[in-house]
Amino acid sequence: MPAPTKAAREPAEVSRLAIRGRGTPPRVPASGQTTARAADVLELPATAMPFEAVPDVAGQGPVPAGALVMHGLTGTPHSVRAWGESLAAAGVAVSCPMLPGHGTRWQDLAEVGWQDWYDAAERAFTALRARCAAVFVMGVSMGGTLALRLAEEHGSEVAGVVAVNPPLGRLRRGSALVPYLVRLVPSVKASPLGRRYWGPRYSDIKAPGVHDIGYERLPLRAAAALDELSAITLRDLNRVVAPVLAFHSVTDHMISAQTGARLLAGLTNAPAISQTPLVDSYHAATLDNEKEYIFAETFDFVRRHSAAPAWPTRTGQRQPQPPRQPPVPNGRQQ
């Protein structure tokens, strides 16, 4: 992972982040910082910044396809940067925003709700539609849930959805109590164990030496907001009329094991659905062992469901190769 940048930044822009998976990171004080525990602040590395990539098609009409790529709760664009860059290298316009409340301090995440995340995603989607012939929405974790929500709200304007381990329904046992606990326990500290006594894992990645970048604390208000978004999105899955490509990790320490089944059961009006199990990746699969396979399958999905006359051929490799999920009844499998 690239080292955090050392360029001077304004105190309000400095992010209190942990390199998740490494325990307590080194503390870097921000220049001019006057608040308590200034040594807890880390700056964002370049890989965690929002980014856009627009292919040069001067004189050739609109860009054939665009992709809105979204990160998960407490995270940053770092978790999806390689995914977006792989699409950009193939000629797809890519937008990867920093969702509200992220990339600054964990306390800021407690001040926003799921509608703020959705509104930011919708603005980015609208901007892509203004310059692309077809726009695909995709994301990992909460980003995948937001992609599904955009498809529910925008119908045929969405060319396709790619969702990697999207939370749907209640996240975990006891989560219904979270809205009542926020005043007593404003946040929980992430821990290496996760899902036990100290909140979520730092980063649910199987690949050794690979780490995500995000907050070291999770505000319970944010957890409650994600729970609400997940429940609403699950309820309205029948409104999705775009093709869907989904990936679910067989071992996922962050979301319910029933999420994949819930997704398939709810997508009653999607014209084509493909869901593939990932046997060698955990929750943050776009950073994990099977990321190259996800990238290749995503581009193939974009190529097949856009009207571009020609796309370069790309092949992905994955070891080991998991079995494909059996075809969904009624011809809904791609």
C-alpha atoms as a PDB file:
ATOM      1  CA  MET A   1       0.000   0.000   0.000  1.00  0.00           C
ATOM      2  CA  PRO A   2       1.375   3.454  -0.846  1.00  0.00           C
ATOM      3  CA  ALA A   3       2.528   5.470   2.126  1.00  0.00           C
ATOM      4  CA  PRO A   4       0.337   8.393   3.188  1.00  0.00           C
ATOM      5  CA  THR A   5       1.189  11.617   1.417  1.00  0.00           C
ATOM      6  CA  LYS A   6       3.109  14.229   3.395  1.00  0.00           C
ATOM      7  CA  ALA A   7       1.884  17.347   1.632  1.00  0.00           C
ATOM      8  CA  ALA A   8       0.645  20.021   3.997  1.00  0.00           C
ATOM      9  CA  ARG A   9      -3.119  20.233   4.241  1.00  0.00           C
ATOM     10  CA  GLU A  10      -5.593  22.436   6.061  1.00  0.00           C
ATOM     11  CA  PRO A  11      -6.678  21.033   9.463  1.00  0.00           C
ATOM     12  CA  ALA A  12     -10.309  20.662   8.357  1.00  0.00           C
ATOM     13  CA  GLU A  13      -9.213  18.461   5.457  1.00  0.00           C
ATOM     14  CA  VAL A  14      -7.027  16.077   7.401  1.00  0.00           C
ATOM     15  CA  SER A  15      -8.544  12.637   7.869  1.00  0.00           C
ATOM     16  CA  ARG A  16      -8.529  10.635  11.071  1.00  0.00           C
ATOM     17  CA  LEU A  17      -8.044   7.267   9.429  1.00  0.00           C
ATOM     18  CA  ALA A  18      -6.608   3.907  10.289  1.00  0.00           C
ATOM     19  CA  ILE A  19      -4.936   1.553   7.853  1.00  0.00           C
ATOM     20  CA  ARG A  20      -7.368  -1.185   8.698  1.00  0.00           C
ATOM     21  CA  GLY A  21      -5.932  -4.613   9.345  1.00  0.00           C
ATOM     22  CA  ARG A  22      -2.694  -3.354  10.933  1.00  0.00           C
ATOM     23  CA  GLY A  23      -3.952  -2.544  14.391  1.00  0.00           C
ATOM     24  CA  THR A  24      -3.053   0.913  15.660  1.00  0.00           C
ATOM     25  CA  PRO A  25      -1.314   2.907  12.910  1.00  0.00           C
ATOM     26  CA  PRO A  26       1.476   5.408  13.527  1.00  0.00           C
ATOM     27  CA  ARG A  27       0.184   8.795  14.581  1.00  0.00           C
ATOM     28  CA  VAL A  28       0.943  11.803  12.373  1.00  0.00           C
ATOM     29  CA  PRO A  29       0.007  15.227  13.778  1.00  0.00           C
ATOM     30  CA  ALA A  30      -1.518  17.701  11.332  1.00  0.00           C
ATOM     31  CA  SER A  31       0.126  21.057  10.874  1.00  0.00           C
ATOM     32  CA  GLY A  32      -1.790  23.698  12.799  1.00  0.00           C
ATOM     33  CA  GLN A  33      -4.131  21.178  14.430  1.00  0.00           C
ATOM     34  CA  THR A  34      -5.390  22.533  17.751  1.00  0.00           C
ATOM     35  CA  THR A  35      -8.095  20.080  18.748  1.00  0.00           C
ATOM     36  CA  ALA A  36      -7.611  17.371  21.359  1.00  0.00           C
ATOM     37  CA  ARG A  37      -5.821  14.175  20.288  1.00  0.00           C
ATOM     38  CA  ALA A  38      -4.296  15.854  17.234  1.00  0.00           C
ATOM     39  CA  ALA A  39      -1.782  13.018  17.061  1.00  0.00           C
ATOM     40  CA  ASP A  40      -4.641  10.663  16.119  1.00  0.00           C
ATOM     41  CA  VAL A  41      -4.993  12.308  12.715  1.00  0.00           C
ATOM     42  CA  LEU A  42      -3.705  10.720   9.489  1.00  0.00           C
ATOM     43  CA  GLU A  43      -3.686  12.196   6.016  1.00  0.00           C
ATOM     44  CA  LEU A  44      -5.276  10.390   3.088  1.00  0.00           C
ATOM     45  CA  PRO A  45      -2.895   8.684   0.653  1.00  0.00           C
ATOM     46  CA  ALA A  46      -3.447   9.392  -3.031  1.00  0.00           C
ATOM     47  CA  THR A  47      -5.114   6.013  -3.560  1.00  0.00           C
ATOM     48  CA  ALA A  48      -7.924   6.967  -1.186  1.00  0.00           C
ATOM     49  CA  MET A  49      -8.916  10.160  -2.966  1.00  0.00           C
ATOM     50  CA  PRO A  50     -12.019  10.421  -5.200  1.00  0.00           C
ATOM     51  CA  PHE A  51     -11.241  10.202  -8.895  1.00  0.00           C
ATOM     52  CA  GLU A  52     -12.695  10.436 -12.394  1.00  0.00           C
ATOM     53  CA  ALA A  53     -11.459   9.080 -15.711  1.00  0.00           C
ATOM     54  CA  VAL A  54     -12.949  10.154 -19.037  1.00  0.00           C
ATOM     55  CA  PRO A  55     -11.653   8.587 -22.282  1.00  0.00           C
ATOM     56  CA  ASP A  56     -10.729  10.891 -25.147  1.00  0.00           C
ATOM     57  CA  VAL A  57     -13.478  10.495 -27.769  1.00  0.00           C
ATOM     58  CA  ALA A  58     -13.238  13.933 -29.355  1.00  0.00           C
ATOM     59  CA  GLY A  59     -15.374  14.041 -32.485  1.00  0.00           C
ATOM     60  CA  GLN A  60     -16.700  10.511 -31.936  1.00  0.00           C
ATOM     61  CA  GLY A  61     -19.904  11.317 -30.055  1.00  0.00           C
ATOM     62  CA  PRO A  62     -20.685  10.382 -26.438  1.00  0.00           C
ATOM     63  CA  VAL A  63     -18.537   7.996 -24.434  1.00  0.00           C
ATOM     64  CA  PRO A  64     -19.918   4.474 -25.085  1.00  0.00           C
ATOM     65  CA  ALA A  65     -20.210   3.563 -21.413  1.00  0.00           C
ATOM     66  CA  GLY A  66     -19.720   5.080 -17.976  1.00  0.00           C
ATOM     67  CA  ALA A  67     -19.399   3.454 -14.569  1.00  0.00           C
ATOM     68  CA  LEU A  68     -20.225   4.925 -11.179  1.00  0.00           C
ATOM     69  CA  VAL A  69     -18.061   2.986  -8.690  1.00  0.00           C
ATOM     70  CA  MET A  70     -18.755   3.371  -4.946  1.00  0.00           C
ATOM     71  CA  HIS A  71     -16.950   2.436  -1.752  1.00  0.00           C
ATOM     72  CA  GLY A  72     -18.433   1.074   1.470  1.00  0.00           C
ATOM     73  CA  LEU A  73     -19.262   2.401   4.928  1.00  0.00           C
ATOM     74  CA  THR A  74     -16.301   3.995   6.803  1.00  0.00           C
ATOM     75  CA  GLY A  75     -14.138   3.438   3.707  1.00  0.00           C
ATOM     76  CA  THR A  76     -12.706   5.527   0.889  1.00  0.00           C
ATOM     77  CA  PRO A  77     -12.250   5.162  -2.887  1.00  0.00           C
ATOM     78  CA  HIS A  78      -9.115   3.134  -2.095  1.00  0.00           C
ATOM     79  CA  SER A  79     -11.247  -0.019  -1.878  1.00  0.00           C
ATOM     80  CA  VAL A  80     -12.505   0.391  -5.461  1.00  0.00           C
ATOM     81  CA  ARG A  81      -9.725   2.361  -7.161  1.00  0.00           C
ATOM     82  CA  ALA A  82      -8.132  -0.628  -8.926  1.00  0.00           C
ATOM     83  CA  TRP A  83     -11.609  -1.727 -10.046  1.00  0.00           C
ATOM     84  CA  GLY A  84     -12.343   1.685 -11.530  1.00  0.00           C
ATOM     85  CA  GLU A  85      -8.903   1.996 -13.082  1.00  0.00           C
ATOM     86  CA  SER A  86      -9.305  -1.371 -14.827  1.00  0.00           C
ATOM     87  CA  LEU A  87     -12.512  -0.107 -16.449  1.00  0.00           C
ATOM     88  CA  ALA A  88     -10.938   3.217 -17.387  1.00  0.00           C
ATOM     89  CA  ALA A  89      -8.048   1.404 -19.061  1.00  0.00           C
ATOM     90  CA  ALA A  90     -10.608  -0.361 -21.261  1.00  0.00           C
ATOM     91  CA  GLY A  91     -12.220   2.899 -22.374  1.00  0.00           C
ATOM     92  CA  VAL A  92     -15.035   3.250 -19.835  1.00  0.00           C
ATOM     93  CA  ALA A  93     -15.683   6.660 -18.241  1.00  0.00           C
ATOM     94  CA  VAL A  94     -15.384   6.222 -14.473  1.00  0.00           C
ATOM     95  CA  SER A  95     -16.577   8.295 -11.537  1.00  0.00           C
ATOM     96  CA  CYS A  96     -15.618   7.299  -8.011  1.00  0.00           C
ATOM     97  CA  PRO A  97     -16.827   9.861  -5.451  1.00  0.00           C
ATOM     98  CA  MET A  98     -16.037  10.147  -1.769  1.00  0.00           C
ATOM     99  CA  LEU A  99     -19.378   9.631  -0.059  1.00  0.00           C
ATOM    100  CA  PRO A 100     -20.498  12.237   2.521  1.00  0.00           C
ATOM    101  CA  GLY A 101     -19.047  11.832   5.999  1.00  0.00           C
ATOM    102  CA  HIS A 102     -16.069   9.843   4.728  1.00  0.00           C
ATOM    103  CA  GLY A 103     -12.428  10.788   4.300  1.00  0.00           C
ATOM    104  CA  THR A 104     -12.384  13.346   7.138  1.00  0.00           C
ATOM    105  CA  ARG A 105     -13.102  12.274  10.745  1.00  0.00           C
ATOM    106  CA  TRP A 106     -15.283   9.436  11.993  1.00  0.00           C
ATOM    107  CA  GLN A 107     -17.341  12.013  13.907  1.00  0.00           C
ATOM    108  CA  ASP A 108     -18.437  13.499  10.565  1.00  0.00           C
ATOM    109  CA  LEU A 109     -19.953  10.170   9.585  1.00  0.00           C
ATOM    110  CA  ALA A 110     -22.316  10.435  12.551  1.00  0.00           C
ATOM    111  CA  GLU A 111     -23.734  13.677  11.130  1.00  0.00           C
ATOM    112  CA  VAL A 112     -25.027  12.254   7.835  1.00  0.00           C
ATOM    113  CA  GLY A 113     -27.630   9.668   6.869  1.00  0.00           C
ATOM    114  CA  TRP A 114     -28.237   7.252   4.050  1.00  0.00           C
ATOM    115  CA  GLN A 115     -30.111   9.887   2.032  1.00  0.00           C
ATOM    116  CA  ASP A 116     -26.925  11.997   1.983  1.00  0.00           C
ATOM    117  CA  TRP A 117     -24.969   9.059   0.574  1.00  0.00           C
ATOM    118  CA  TYR A 118     -27.688   8.382  -1.966  1.00  0.00           C
ATOM    119  CA  ASP A 119     -27.916  12.037  -3.041  1.00  0.00           C
ATOM    120  CA  ALA A 120     -24.165  12.151  -3.686  1.00  0.00           C
ATOM    121  CA  ALA A 121     -24.368   8.929  -5.694  1.00  0.00           C
ATOM    122  CA  GLU A 122     -27.291  10.289  -7.690  1.00  0.00           C
ATOM    123  CA  ARG A 123     -25.430  13.502  -8.540  1.00  0.00           C
ATOM    124  CA  ALA A 124     -22.480  11.505  -9.836  1.00  0.00           C
ATOM    125  CA  PHE A 125     -24.836   9.258 -11.809  1.00  0.00           C
ATOM    126  CA  THR A 126     -26.547  12.266 -13.406  1.00  0.00           C
ATOM    127  CA  ALA A 127     -23.192  13.768 -14.391  1.00  0.00           C
ATOM    128  CA  LEU A 128     -22.145  10.517 -16.075  1.00  0.00           C
ATOM    129  CA  ARG A 129     -25.447  10.267 -17.953  1.00  0.00           C
ATOM    130  CA  ALA A 130     -24.809  13.700 -19.447  1.00  0.00           C
ATOM    131  CA  ARG A 131     -21.723  12.422 -21.284  1.00  0.00           C
ATOM    132  CA  CYS A 132     -22.165   8.663 -21.664  1.00  0.00           C
ATOM    133  CA  ALA A 133     -24.440   6.602 -23.887  1.00  0.00           C
ATOM    134  CA  ALA A 134     -24.940   4.027 -21.122  1.00  0.00           C
ATOM    135  CA  VAL A 135     -24.227   4.250 -17.407  1.00  0.00           C
ATOM    136  CA  PHE A 136     -23.572   1.300 -15.099  1.00  0.00           C
ATOM    137  CA  VAL A 137     -23.697   1.567 -11.309  1.00  0.00           C
ATOM    138  CA  MET A 138     -21.545  -0.605  -9.087  1.00  0.00           C
ATOM    139  CA  GLY A 139     -20.012  -0.826  -5.665  1.00  0.00           C
ATOM    140  CA  VAL A 140     -18.650  -2.962  -2.864  1.00  0.00           C
ATOM    141  CA  SER A 141     -20.499  -3.389   0.432  1.00  0.00           C
ATOM    142  CA  MET A 142     -22.636  -0.273   1.055  1.00  0.00           C
ATOM    143  CA  GLY A 143     -21.580   0.961  -2.383  1.00  0.00           C
ATOM    144  CA  GLY A 144     -23.296  -2.084  -3.890  1.00  0.00           C
ATOM    145  CA  THR A 145     -26.452  -1.351  -1.903  1.00  0.00           C
ATOM    146  CA  LEU A 146     -26.430   2.233  -3.188  1.00  0.00           C
ATOM    147  CA  ALA A 147     -26.014   0.922  -6.740  1.00  0.00           C
ATOM    148  CA  LEU A 148     -29.115  -1.240  -6.323  1.00  0.00           C
ATOM    149  CA  ARG A 149     -31.011   1.707  -4.849  1.00  0.00           C
ATOM    150  CA  LEU A 150     -30.104   3.868  -7.852  1.00  0.00           C
ATOM    151  CA  ALA A 151     -31.414   1.131 -10.145  1.00  0.00           C
ATOM    152  CA  GLU A 152     -34.656   1.001  -8.154  1.00  0.00           C
ATOM    153  CA  GLU A 153     -35.163   4.746  -8.457  1.00  0.00           C
ATOM    154  CA  HIS A 154     -33.938   5.307 -12.016  1.00  0.00           C
ATOM    155  CA  GLY A 155     -35.306   2.265 -13.803  1.00  0.00           C
ATOM    156  CA  SER A 156     -34.240   1.930 -17.434  1.00  0.00           C
ATOM    157  CA  GLU A 157     -31.829   4.874 -17.130  1.00  0.00           C
ATOM    158  CA  VAL A 158     -29.431   2.395 -15.483  1.00  0.00           C
ATOM    159  CA  ALA A 159     -27.734   0.149 -18.040  1.00  0.00           C
ATOM    160  CA  GLY A 160     -26.659  -2.429 -15.458  1.00  0.00           C
ATOM    161  CA  VAL A 161     -25.747  -3.054 -11.818  1.00  0.00           C
ATOM    162  CA  VAL A 162     -22.657  -4.737 -10.374  1.00  0.00           C
ATOM    163  CA  ALA A 163     -22.890  -5.423  -6.632  1.00  0.00           C
ATOM    164  CA  VAL A 164     -20.126  -7.009  -4.557  1.00  0.00           C
ATOM    165  CA  ASN A 165     -21.309  -8.182  -1.128  1.00  0.00           C
ATOM    166  CA  PRO A 166     -24.075  -5.578  -0.732  1.00  0.00           C
ATOM    167  CA  PRO A 167     -25.763  -5.478   2.704  1.00  0.00           C
ATOM    168  CA  LEU A 168     -29.494  -6.205   2.367  1.00  0.00           C
ATOM    169  CA  GLY A 169     -31.877  -6.340   5.313  1.00  0.00           C
ATOM    170  CA  ARG A 170     -30.645  -6.315   8.895  1.00  0.00           C
ATOM    171  CA  LEU A 171     -26.866  -6.432   9.050  1.00  0.00           C
ATOM    172  CA  ARG A 172     -26.538  -8.621  12.104  1.00  0.00           C
ATOM    173  CA  ARG A 173     -28.325  -9.916  15.180  1.00  0.00           C
ATOM    174  CA  GLY A 174     -29.272  -7.131  17.540  1.00  0.00           C
ATOM    175  CA  SER A 175     -28.885  -4.367  14.958  1.00  0.00           C
ATOM    176  CA  ALA A 176     -32.497  -3.301  15.563  1.00  0.00           C
ATOM    177  CA  LEU A 177     -31.330  -1.995  18.953  1.00  0.00           C
ATOM    178  CA  VAL A 178     -28.704   0.319  17.471  1.00  0.00           C
ATOM    179  CA  PRO A 179     -30.983   3.404  17.115  1.00  0.00           C
ATOM    180  CA  TYR A 180     -31.695   3.183  20.850  1.00  0.00           C
ATOM    181  CA  LEU A 181     -28.031   2.813  21.841  1.00  0.00           C
ATOM    182  CA  VAL A 182     -26.528   5.750  19.965  1.00  0.00           C
ATOM    183  CA  ARG A 183     -26.762   8.132  22.922  1.00  0.00           C
ATOM    184  CA  LEU A 184     -25.185   5.664  25.310  1.00  0.00           C
ATOM    185  CA  VAL A 185     -22.547   4.323  22.902  1.00  0.00           C
ATOM    186  CA  PRO A 186     -21.865   6.914  20.173  1.00  0.00           C
ATOM    187  CA  SER A 187     -19.284   4.763  18.401  1.00  0.00           C
ATOM    188  CA  VAL A 188     -17.485   1.443  18.559  1.00  0.00           C
ATOM    189  CA  LYS A 189     -13.808   0.845  17.912  1.00  0.00           C
ATOM    190  CA  ALA A 190     -12.925  -1.563  15.161  1.00  0.00           C
ATOM    191  CA  SER A 191     -10.972  -4.604  16.279  1.00  0.00           C
ATOM    192  CA  PRO A 192      -8.875  -7.344  14.683  1.00  0.00           C
ATOM    193  CA  LEU A 193     -11.414  -9.942  15.835  1.00  0.00           C
ATOM    194  CA  GLY A 194     -14.578  -8.178  14.790  1.00  0.00           C
ATOM    195  CA  ARG A 195     -18.227  -9.117  15.387  1.00  0.00           C
ATOM    196  CA  ARG A 196     -17.547  -9.832  19.033  1.00  0.00           C
ATOM    197  CA  TYR A 197     -17.188  -7.121  21.666  1.00  0.00           C
ATOM    198  CA  TRP A 198     -15.471  -4.215  19.941  1.00  0.00           C
ATOM    199  CA  GLY A 199     -17.374  -3.635  16.724  1.00  0.00           C
ATOM    200  CA  PRO A 200     -16.531  -4.494  13.122  1.00  0.00           C
ATOM    201  CA  ARG A 201     -13.251  -5.818  11.795  1.00  0.00           C
ATOM    202  CA  TYR A 202     -10.607  -3.359  10.692  1.00  0.00           C
ATOM    203  CA  SER A 203     -10.786  -4.889   7.229  1.00  0.00           C
ATOM    204  CA  ASP A 204     -12.286  -8.187   6.143  1.00  0.00           C
ATOM    205  CA  ILE A 205      -9.661  -9.286   3.605  1.00  0.00           C
ATOM    206  CA  LYS A 206      -8.245 -12.782   3.225  1.00  0.00           C
ATOM    207  CA  ALA A 207      -5.202 -11.907   1.113  1.00  0.00           C
ATOM    208  CA  PRO A 208      -2.131 -11.564   3.357  1.00  0.00           C
ATOM    209  CA  GLY A 209      -0.576  -8.123   3.591  1.00  0.00           C
ATOM    210  CA  VAL A 210      -3.512  -6.324   1.955  1.00  0.00           C
ATOM    211  CA  HIS A 211      -5.239  -3.557   3.889  1.00  0.00           C
ATOM    212  CA  ASP A 212      -8.134  -1.191   3.357  1.00  0.00           C
ATOM    213  CA  ILE A 213      -8.139   2.463   4.403  1.00  0.00           C
ATOM    214  CA  GLY A 214     -10.895   3.934   6.539  1.00  0.00           C
ATOM    215  CA  TYR A 215     -12.008   5.123   9.941  1.00  0.00           C
ATOM    216  CA  GLU A 216     -10.878   3.277  13.041  1.00  0.00           C
ATOM    217  CA  ARG A 217     -14.254   3.897  14.685  1.00  0.00           C
ATOM    218  CA  LEU A 218     -17.802   3.280  13.486  1.00  0.00           C
ATOM    219  CA  PRO A 219     -20.494   5.708  14.716  1.00  0.00           C
ATOM    220  CA  LEU A 220     -23.618   3.782  15.676  1.00  0.00           C
ATOM    221  CA  ARG A 221     -25.721   6.430  13.908  1.00  0.00           C
ATOM    222  CA  ALA A 222     -24.000   5.454  10.671  1.00  0.00           C
ATOM    223  CA  ALA A 223     -24.605   1.772  11.363  1.00  0.00           C
ATOM    224  CA  ALA A 224     -28.294   2.532  11.929  1.00  0.00           C
ATOM    225  CA  ALA A 225     -28.417   4.548   8.688  1.00  0.00           C
ATOM    226  CA  LEU A 226     -26.919   1.668   6.718  1.00  0.00           C
ATOM    227  CA  ASP A 227     -29.410  -0.697   8.314  1.00  0.00           C
ATOM    228  CA  GLU A 228     -32.244   1.554   7.128  1.00  0.00           C
ATOM    229  CA  LEU A 229     -30.833   1.819   3.602  1.00  0.00           C
ATOM    230  CA  SER A 230     -30.368  -1.952   3.442  1.00  0.00           C
ATOM    231  CA  ALA A 231     -33.948  -2.626   4.553  1.00  0.00           C
ATOM    232  CA  ILE A 232     -35.463  -0.147   2.070  1.00  0.00           C
ATOM    233  CA  THR A 233     -33.341  -1.463  -0.792  1.00  0.00           C
ATOM    234  CA  LEU A 234     -34.273  -5.077  -0.008  1.00  0.00           C
ATOM    235  CA  ARG A 235     -37.958  -4.151   0.064  1.00  0.00           C
ATOM    236  CA  ASP A 236     -37.821  -2.485  -3.376  1.00  0.00           C
ATOM    237  CA  LEU A 237     -35.633  -4.939  -5.299  1.00  0.00           C
ATOM    238  CA  ASN A 238     -38.593  -5.788  -7.532  1.00  0.00           C
ATOM    239  CA  ARG A 239     -38.254  -2.275  -9.010  1.00  0.00           C
ATOM    240  CA  VAL A 240     -34.876  -3.101 -10.587  1.00  0.00           C
ATOM    241  CA  VAL A 241     -35.321  -3.523 -14.351  1.00  0.00           C
ATOM    242  CA  ALA A 242     -31.613  -3.486 -15.310  1.00  0.00           C
ATOM    243  CA  PRO A 243     -29.332  -6.508 -15.713  1.00  0.00           C
ATOM    244  CA  VAL A 244     -27.524  -7.402 -12.485  1.00  0.00           C
ATOM    245  CA  LEU A 245     -24.104  -8.951 -11.935  1.00  0.00           C
ATOM    246  CA  ALA A 246     -23.522  -9.894  -8.297  1.00  0.00           C
ATOM    247  CA  PHE A 247     -20.687 -11.445  -6.336  1.00  0.00           C
ATOM    248  CA  HIS A 248     -20.973 -12.833  -2.830  1.00  0.00           C
ATOM    249  CA  SER A 249     -18.156 -14.118  -0.659  1.00  0.00           C
ATOM    250  CA  VAL A 250     -18.780 -17.556   0.776  1.00  0.00           C
ATOM    251  CA  THR A 251     -16.953 -16.408   3.924  1.00  0.00           C
ATOM    252  CA  ASP A 252     -18.003 -12.892   4.881  1.00  0.00           C
ATOM    253  CA  HIS A 253     -17.584 -11.652   8.446  1.00  0.00           C
ATOM    254  CA  MET A 254     -19.497  -8.411   7.919  1.00  0.00           C
ATOM    255  CA  ILE A 255     -22.931  -9.215   6.456  1.00  0.00           C
ATOM    256  CA  SER A 256     -25.518 -11.966   6.712  1.00  0.00           C
ATOM    257  CA  ALA A 257     -24.885 -15.226   4.905  1.00  0.00           C
ATOM    258  CA  GLN A 258     -28.452 -14.921   3.563  1.00  0.00           C
ATOM    259  CA  THR A 259     -27.708 -11.790   1.566  1.00  0.00           C
ATOM    260  CA  GLY A 260     -27.109 -13.599  -1.719  1.00  0.00           C
ATOM    261  CA  ALA A 261     -30.372 -15.512  -1.452  1.00  0.00           C
ATOM    262  CA  ARG A 262     -32.253 -12.339  -0.529  1.00  0.00           C
ATOM    263  CA  LEU A 263     -30.898 -10.592  -3.606  1.00  0.00           C
ATOM    264  CA  LEU A 264     -31.920 -13.358  -5.995  1.00  0.00           C
ATOM    265  CA  ALA A 265     -35.361 -13.673  -4.420  1.00  0.00           C
ATOM    266  CA  GLY A 266     -36.027  -9.941  -4.640  1.00  0.00           C
ATOM    267  CA  LEU A 267     -34.929  -9.309  -8.234  1.00  0.00           C
ATOM    268  CA  THR A 268     -38.186 -10.448  -9.792  1.00  0.00           C
ATOM    269  CA  ASN A 269     -38.128  -7.997 -12.724  1.00  0.00           C
ATOM    270  CA  ALA A 270     -34.456  -7.806 -13.652  1.00  0.00           C
ATOM    271  CA  PRO A 271     -34.067  -9.105 -17.231  1.00  0.00           C
ATOM    272  CA  ALA A 272     -30.799 -10.912 -16.528  1.00  0.00           C
ATOM    273  CA  ILE A 273     -29.118 -11.929 -13.286  1.00  0.00           C
ATOM    274  CA  SER A 274     -25.775 -13.555 -12.639  1.00  0.00           C
ATOM    275  CA  GLN A 275     -24.495 -14.229  -9.123  1.00  0.00           C
ATOM    276  CA  THR A 276     -21.118 -15.845  -8.542  1.00  0.00           C
ATOM    277  CA  PRO A 277     -19.777 -17.111  -5.200  1.00  0.00           C
ATOM    278  CA  LEU A 278     -16.260 -16.053  -4.235  1.00  0.00           C
ATOM    279  CA  VAL A 279     -14.484 -18.828  -2.371  1.00  0.00           C
ATOM    280  CA  ASP A 280     -11.121 -17.143  -1.814  1.00  0.00           C
ATOM    281  CA  SER A 281     -12.148 -13.632  -0.752  1.00  0.00           C
ATOM    282  CA  TYR A 282     -13.791 -12.067   2.280  1.00  0.00           C
ATOM    283  CA  HIS A 283     -16.061  -9.007   2.439  1.00  0.00           C
ATOM    284  CA  ALA A 284     -13.752  -6.418   0.824  1.00  0.00           C
ATOM    285  CA  ALA A 285     -13.478  -8.596  -2.273  1.00  0.00           C
ATOM    286  CA  THR A 286     -12.378  -5.810  -4.627  1.00  0.00           C
ATOM    287  CA  LEU A 287      -9.089  -5.770  -2.682  1.00  0.00           C
ATOM    288  CA  ASP A 288      -8.868  -9.508  -2.145  1.00  0.00           C
ATOM    289  CA  ASN A 289      -7.579 -12.637  -3.899  1.00  0.00           C
ATOM    290  CA  GLU A 290     -10.267 -12.700  -6.594  1.00  0.00           C
ATOM    291  CA  LYS A 291     -10.223  -9.023  -7.480  1.00  0.00           C
ATOM    292  CA  GLU A 292      -8.835  -9.567 -10.992  1.00  0.00           C
ATOM    293  CA  TYR A 293     -11.655 -11.980 -11.734  1.00  0.00           C
ATOM    294  CA  ILE A 294     -14.212  -9.399 -10.533  1.00  0.00           C
ATOM    295  CA  PHE A 295     -12.591  -6.744 -12.715  1.00  0.00           C
ATOM    296  CA  ALA A 296     -12.624  -8.924 -15.837  1.00  0.00           C
ATOM    297  CA  GLU A 297     -16.203 -10.087 -15.296  1.00  0.00           C
ATOM    298  CA  THR A 298     -17.313  -6.508 -14.721  1.00  0.00           C
ATOM    299  CA  PHE A 299     -15.858  -5.293 -18.008  1.00  0.00           C
ATOM    300  CA  ASP A 300     -17.372  -8.237 -19.860  1.00  0.00           C
ATOM    301  CA  PHE A 301     -20.750  -7.340 -18.316  1.00  0.00           C
ATOM    302  CA  VAL A 302     -20.374  -3.693 -19.397  1.00  0.00           C
ATOM    303  CA  ARG A 303     -19.327  -4.755 -22.894  1.00  0.00           C
ATOM    304  CA  ARG A 304     -22.299  -7.080 -23.331  1.00  0.00           C
ATOM    305  CA  HIS A 305     -24.896  -4.628 -22.041  1.00  0.00           C
ATOM    306  CA  SER A 306     -23.740  -1.471 -23.798  1.00  0.00           C
ATOM    307  CA  ALA A 307     -24.228  -0.502 -27.418  1.00  0.00           C
ATOM    308  CA  ALA A 308     -20.543   0.133 -28.161  1.00  0.00           C
ATOM    309  CA  PRO A 309     -19.651  -1.320 -31.596  1.00  0.00           C
ATOM    310  CA  ALA A 310     -16.365  -2.842 -30.418  1.00  0.00           C
ATOM    311  CA  TRP A 311     -14.536  -3.404 -27.152  1.00  0.00           C
ATOM    312  CA  PRO A 312     -11.110  -4.937 -26.547  1.00  0.00           C
ATOM    313  CA  THR A 313     -11.144  -8.529 -25.351  1.00  0.00           C
ATOM    314  CA  ARG A 314     -10.100  -9.009 -21.729  1.00  0.00           C
ATOM    315  CA  THR A 315      -9.645 -12.211 -19.805  1.00  0.00           C
ATOM    316  CA  GLY A 316      -9.420 -12.639 -16.062  1.00  0.00           C
ATOM    317  CA  GLN A 317      -7.709 -15.319 -14.027  1.00  0.00           C
ATOM    318  CA  ARG A 318      -8.781 -16.650 -10.686  1.00  0.00           C
ATOM    319  CA  GLN A 319      -7.282 -19.382  -8.556  1.00  0.00           C
ATOM    320  CA  PRO A 320      -8.977 -21.440  -7.377  1.00  0.00           C
ATOM    321  CA  GLN A 321     -11.954 -21.358  -9.745  1.00  0.00           C
ATOM    322  CA  PRO A 322     -15.186 -21.726  -7.722  1.00  0.00           C
ATOM    323  CA  PRO A 323     -18.177 -23.514  -9.205  1.00  0.00           C
ATOM    324  CA  ARG A 324     -20.761 -21.368 -10.933  1.00  0.00           C
ATOM    325  CA  GLN A 325     -24.088 -20.949  -9.193  1.00  0.00           C
ATOM    326  CA  PRO A 326     -26.832 -23.137 -10.759  1.00  0.00           C
ATOM    327  CA  PRO A 327     -29.068 -21.307 -13.270  1.00  0.00           C
ATOM    328  CA  VAL A 328     -31.905 -19.324 -11.758  1.00  0.00           C
ATOM    329  CA  PRO A 329     -35.371 -20.654 -12.761  1.00  0.00           C
ATOM    330  CA  ASN A 330     -37.437 -18.911 -15.437  1.00  0.00           C
ATOM    331  CA  GLY A 331     -34.483 -17.984 -17.592  1.00  0.00           C
ATOM    332  CA  ARG A 332     -33.206 -15.196 -15.382  1.00  0.00           C
ATOM    333  CA  GLN A 333     -29.576 -16.362 -15.342  1.00  0.00           C
ATOM    334  CA  GLN A 334     -27.324 -14.614 -17.850  1.00  0.00           C
END
